[in-house]
Amino acid sequence: MTLTELQGLYARSDLVEAVVEPSIQEGGWIVEFRHRRGGFVPLTDGAGSEQCYQDIDTASERAFEVGFHQVRIADNF
């Protein structure tokens, strides 16, 4: 979902958690949001491609733009 779509879900309290985790495909970081009904919703561009960021800080900023004040960092270490 795009940033704007995710902001709408957050405003309706449909998103309960923001998670930044490593991207397998590109070696960067992705942002996903846990939906209150279960499952995760990834941040994508307008074409539906998952957004990948080079660092944790930039990925976290996208979660803050959605509305979250806290982000969980998931890693494979």
N, C-alpha and C. Protein backbone atom coordinates (compact mmCIF):
# COMPACT_ATOMS: atom_id res chain seq x y z
N MET A 1 0.83 -1.18 0.00
CA MET A 1 0.00 0.00 0.00
C MET A 1 0.88 1.25 0.00
N THR A 2 0.38 2.27 -0.60
CA THR A 2 1.13 3.52 -0.65
C THR A 2 1.10 4.23 0.70
N LEU A 3 1.95 5.21 0.85
CA LEU A 3 2.02 5.98 2.08
C LEU A 3 0.66 6.60 2.41
N THR A 4 0.00 7.17 1.43
CA THR A 4 -1.30 7.80 1.64
C THR A 4 -2.35 6.78 2.08
N GLU A 5 -2.37 5.62 1.46
CA GLU A 5 -3.32 4.57 1.84
C GLU A 5 -3.06 4.10 3.27
N LEU A 6 -1.79 3.95 3.62
CA LEU A 6 -1.44 3.52 4.97
C LEU A 6 -1.81 4.57 6.00
N GLN A 7 -1.66 5.84 5.66
CA GLN A 7 -2.07 6.91 6.57
C GLN A 7 -3.57 6.82 6.86
N GLY A 8 -4.34 6.49 5.86
CA GLY A 8 -5.78 6.31 6.04
C GLY A 8 -6.10 5.15 6.98
N LEU A 9 -5.40 4.04 6.79
CA LEU A 9 -5.60 2.88 7.68
C LEU A 9 -5.21 3.23 9.12
N TYR A 10 -4.11 3.96 9.27
CA TYR A 10 -3.66 4.36 10.60
C TYR A 10 -4.70 5.27 11.27
N ALA A 11 -5.24 6.21 10.50
CA ALA A 11 -6.25 7.14 11.03
C ALA A 11 -7.50 6.41 11.52
N ARG A 12 -7.81 5.26 10.90
CA ARG A 12 -8.96 4.44 11.30
C ARG A 12 -8.59 3.40 12.36
N SER A 13 -7.36 3.47 12.86
CA SER A 13 -6.85 2.52 13.87
C SER A 13 -6.82 1.09 13.36
N ASP A 14 -6.62 0.92 12.06
CA ASP A 14 -6.51 -0.43 11.49
C ASP A 14 -5.09 -0.98 11.55
N LEU A 15 -4.10 -0.13 11.79
CA LEU A 15 -2.71 -0.57 11.89
C LEU A 15 -2.27 -0.49 13.35
N VAL A 16 -1.62 -1.55 13.83
CA VAL A 16 -1.26 -1.60 15.25
C VAL A 16 0.24 -1.59 15.51
N GLU A 17 1.06 -1.80 14.47
CA GLU A 17 2.50 -1.84 14.68
C GLU A 17 3.22 -1.55 13.37
N ALA A 18 4.35 -0.87 13.48
CA ALA A 18 5.23 -0.61 12.34
C ALA A 18 6.51 -1.41 12.55
N VAL A 19 6.96 -2.10 11.51
CA VAL A 19 8.15 -2.94 11.60
C VAL A 19 9.08 -2.63 10.44
N VAL A 20 10.34 -2.40 10.75
CA VAL A 20 11.39 -2.25 9.73
C VAL A 20 12.20 -3.54 9.78
N GLU A 21 12.38 -4.16 8.61
CA GLU A 21 13.12 -5.42 8.57
C GLU A 21 13.97 -5.49 7.31
N PRO A 22 14.98 -6.36 7.34
CA PRO A 22 15.86 -6.49 6.17
C PRO A 22 15.08 -6.97 4.94
N SER A 23 15.45 -6.44 3.80
CA SER A 23 14.88 -6.87 2.54
C SER A 23 15.76 -7.97 1.96
N ILE A 24 15.18 -9.07 1.63
CA ILE A 24 15.93 -10.19 1.05
C ILE A 24 16.35 -9.87 -0.38
N GLN A 25 15.48 -9.23 -1.12
CA GLN A 25 15.72 -9.00 -2.55
C GLN A 25 16.82 -7.99 -2.84
N GLU A 26 16.88 -6.89 -2.09
CA GLU A 26 17.78 -5.83 -2.47
C GLU A 26 18.84 -5.51 -1.43
N GLY A 27 18.84 -6.19 -0.31
CA GLY A 27 19.85 -5.94 0.70
C GLY A 27 19.64 -4.70 1.54
N GLY A 28 18.53 -4.01 1.37
CA GLY A 28 18.22 -2.82 2.16
C GLY A 28 17.22 -3.14 3.25
N TRP A 29 16.33 -2.21 3.50
CA TRP A 29 15.34 -2.33 4.56
C TRP A 29 13.95 -2.02 4.02
N ILE A 30 12.94 -2.76 4.48
CA ILE A 30 11.55 -2.53 4.08
C ILE A 30 10.74 -2.16 5.32
N VAL A 31 9.57 -1.58 5.08
CA VAL A 31 8.66 -1.20 6.16
C VAL A 31 7.35 -1.96 5.97
N GLU A 32 6.92 -2.63 7.02
CA GLU A 32 5.64 -3.33 7.01
C GLU A 32 4.83 -2.89 8.22
N PHE A 33 3.53 -3.03 8.11
CA PHE A 33 2.63 -2.62 9.18
C PHE A 33 1.71 -3.78 9.53
N ARG A 34 1.60 -4.06 10.82
CA ARG A 34 0.72 -5.13 11.27
C ARG A 34 -0.71 -4.60 11.30
N HIS A 35 -1.60 -5.30 10.61
CA HIS A 35 -3.01 -4.93 10.57
C HIS A 35 -3.71 -5.46 11.81
N ARG A 36 -4.69 -4.76 12.31
CA ARG A 36 -5.37 -5.18 13.54
C ARG A 36 -6.09 -6.52 13.37
N ARG A 37 -6.42 -6.89 12.16
CA ARG A 37 -7.08 -8.18 11.89
C ARG A 37 -6.08 -9.30 11.63
N GLY A 38 -4.79 -8.98 11.71
CA GLY A 38 -3.74 -9.96 11.47
C GLY A 38 -3.07 -9.74 10.13
N GLY A 39 -1.88 -10.25 10.02
CA GLY A 39 -1.12 -10.10 8.78
C GLY A 39 -0.40 -8.78 8.70
N PHE A 40 0.45 -8.69 7.69
CA PHE A 40 1.25 -7.48 7.49
C PHE A 40 0.91 -6.83 6.16
N VAL A 41 1.02 -5.52 6.14
CA VAL A 41 0.79 -4.73 4.93
C VAL A 41 2.10 -3.99 4.64
N PRO A 42 2.73 -4.26 3.49
CA PRO A 42 3.99 -3.58 3.17
C PRO A 42 3.77 -2.20 2.57
N LEU A 43 4.74 -1.33 2.75
CA LEU A 43 4.76 -0.03 2.09
C LEU A 43 5.23 -0.24 0.66
N THR A 44 4.41 0.21 -0.30
CA THR A 44 4.75 0.04 -1.72
C THR A 44 4.66 1.38 -2.44
N ASP A 45 5.14 1.39 -3.67
CA ASP A 45 4.97 2.58 -4.50
C ASP A 45 3.62 2.48 -5.21
N GLY A 46 3.32 3.46 -6.04
CA GLY A 46 2.04 3.49 -6.74
C GLY A 46 1.80 2.30 -7.66
N ALA A 47 2.87 1.65 -8.10
CA ALA A 47 2.76 0.50 -8.99
C ALA A 47 2.65 -0.82 -8.22
N GLY A 48 2.73 -0.74 -6.88
CA GLY A 48 2.61 -1.94 -6.06
C GLY A 48 3.92 -2.62 -5.73
N SER A 49 5.05 -2.01 -6.10
CA SER A 49 6.36 -2.58 -5.78
C SER A 49 6.78 -2.18 -4.37
N GLU A 50 7.27 -3.16 -3.63
CA GLU A 50 7.71 -2.91 -2.27
C GLU A 50 8.84 -1.89 -2.24
N GLN A 51 8.74 -0.91 -1.36
CA GLN A 51 9.76 0.13 -1.22
C GLN A 51 10.92 -0.40 -0.39
N CYS A 52 12.13 -0.18 -0.86
CA CYS A 52 13.33 -0.64 -0.17
C CYS A 52 14.21 0.58 0.12
N TYR A 53 14.72 0.66 1.35
CA TYR A 53 15.55 1.79 1.78
C TYR A 53 16.93 1.31 2.16
N GLN A 54 17.93 2.15 1.97
CA GLN A 54 19.32 1.77 2.20
C GLN A 54 19.71 1.73 3.68
N ASP A 55 18.93 2.42 4.54
CA ASP A 55 19.29 2.40 5.96
C ASP A 55 18.04 2.37 6.84
N ILE A 56 18.23 1.99 8.08
CA ILE A 56 17.14 1.85 9.04
C ILE A 56 16.48 3.20 9.32
N ASP A 57 17.26 4.25 9.40
CA ASP A 57 16.72 5.57 9.73
C ASP A 57 15.72 6.05 8.68
N THR A 58 16.06 5.89 7.42
CA THR A 58 15.17 6.33 6.35
C THR A 58 13.89 5.49 6.35
N ALA A 59 14.02 4.19 6.52
CA ALA A 59 12.85 3.31 6.59
C ALA A 59 11.96 3.68 7.77
N SER A 60 12.57 3.96 8.91
CA SER A 60 11.81 4.34 10.11
C SER A 60 11.06 5.65 9.88
N GLU A 61 11.67 6.58 9.17
CA GLU A 61 11.00 7.86 8.88
C GLU A 61 9.71 7.65 8.11
N ARG A 62 9.67 6.67 7.20
CA ARG A 62 8.44 6.39 6.46
C ARG A 62 7.35 5.91 7.43
N ALA A 63 7.71 5.10 8.42
CA ALA A 63 6.73 4.64 9.41
C ALA A 63 6.21 5.82 10.23
N PHE A 64 7.10 6.76 10.56
CA PHE A 64 6.69 7.95 11.30
C PHE A 64 5.74 8.80 10.45
N GLU A 65 5.96 8.84 9.14
CA GLU A 65 5.08 9.60 8.25
C GLU A 65 3.67 9.01 8.22
N VAL A 66 3.57 7.70 8.41
CA VAL A 66 2.26 7.06 8.46
C VAL A 66 1.52 7.52 9.72
N GLY A 67 2.26 7.74 10.80
CA GLY A 67 1.64 8.21 12.03
C GLY A 67 2.19 7.58 13.29
N PHE A 68 2.98 6.52 13.13
CA PHE A 68 3.53 5.83 14.30
C PHE A 68 4.60 6.67 14.98
N HIS A 69 4.71 6.50 16.29
CA HIS A 69 5.73 7.20 17.08
C HIS A 69 6.83 6.25 17.50
N GLN A 70 6.61 4.96 17.25
CA GLN A 70 7.56 3.92 17.63
C GLN A 70 7.61 2.89 16.51
N VAL A 71 8.80 2.37 16.24
CA VAL A 71 8.99 1.38 15.18
C VAL A 71 9.80 0.21 15.75
N ARG A 72 9.36 -0.99 15.45
CA ARG A 72 10.12 -2.17 15.85
C ARG A 72 11.10 -2.50 14.73
N ILE A 73 12.36 -2.74 15.11
CA ILE A 73 13.38 -3.13 14.15
C ILE A 73 13.57 -4.63 14.27
N ALA A 74 13.28 -5.35 13.19
CA ALA A 74 13.47 -6.79 13.16
C ALA A 74 14.71 -7.08 12.34
N ASP A 75 15.60 -7.90 12.85
CA ASP A 75 16.78 -8.25 12.08
C ASP A 75 17.03 -9.75 12.14
N ASN A 76 17.96 -10.18 11.34
CA ASN A 76 18.26 -11.62 11.24
C ASN A 76 19.51 -12.00 12.01
N PHE A 77 19.99 -11.13 12.91
CA PHE A 77 21.22 -11.39 13.62
C PHE A 77 20.96 -12.23 14.85
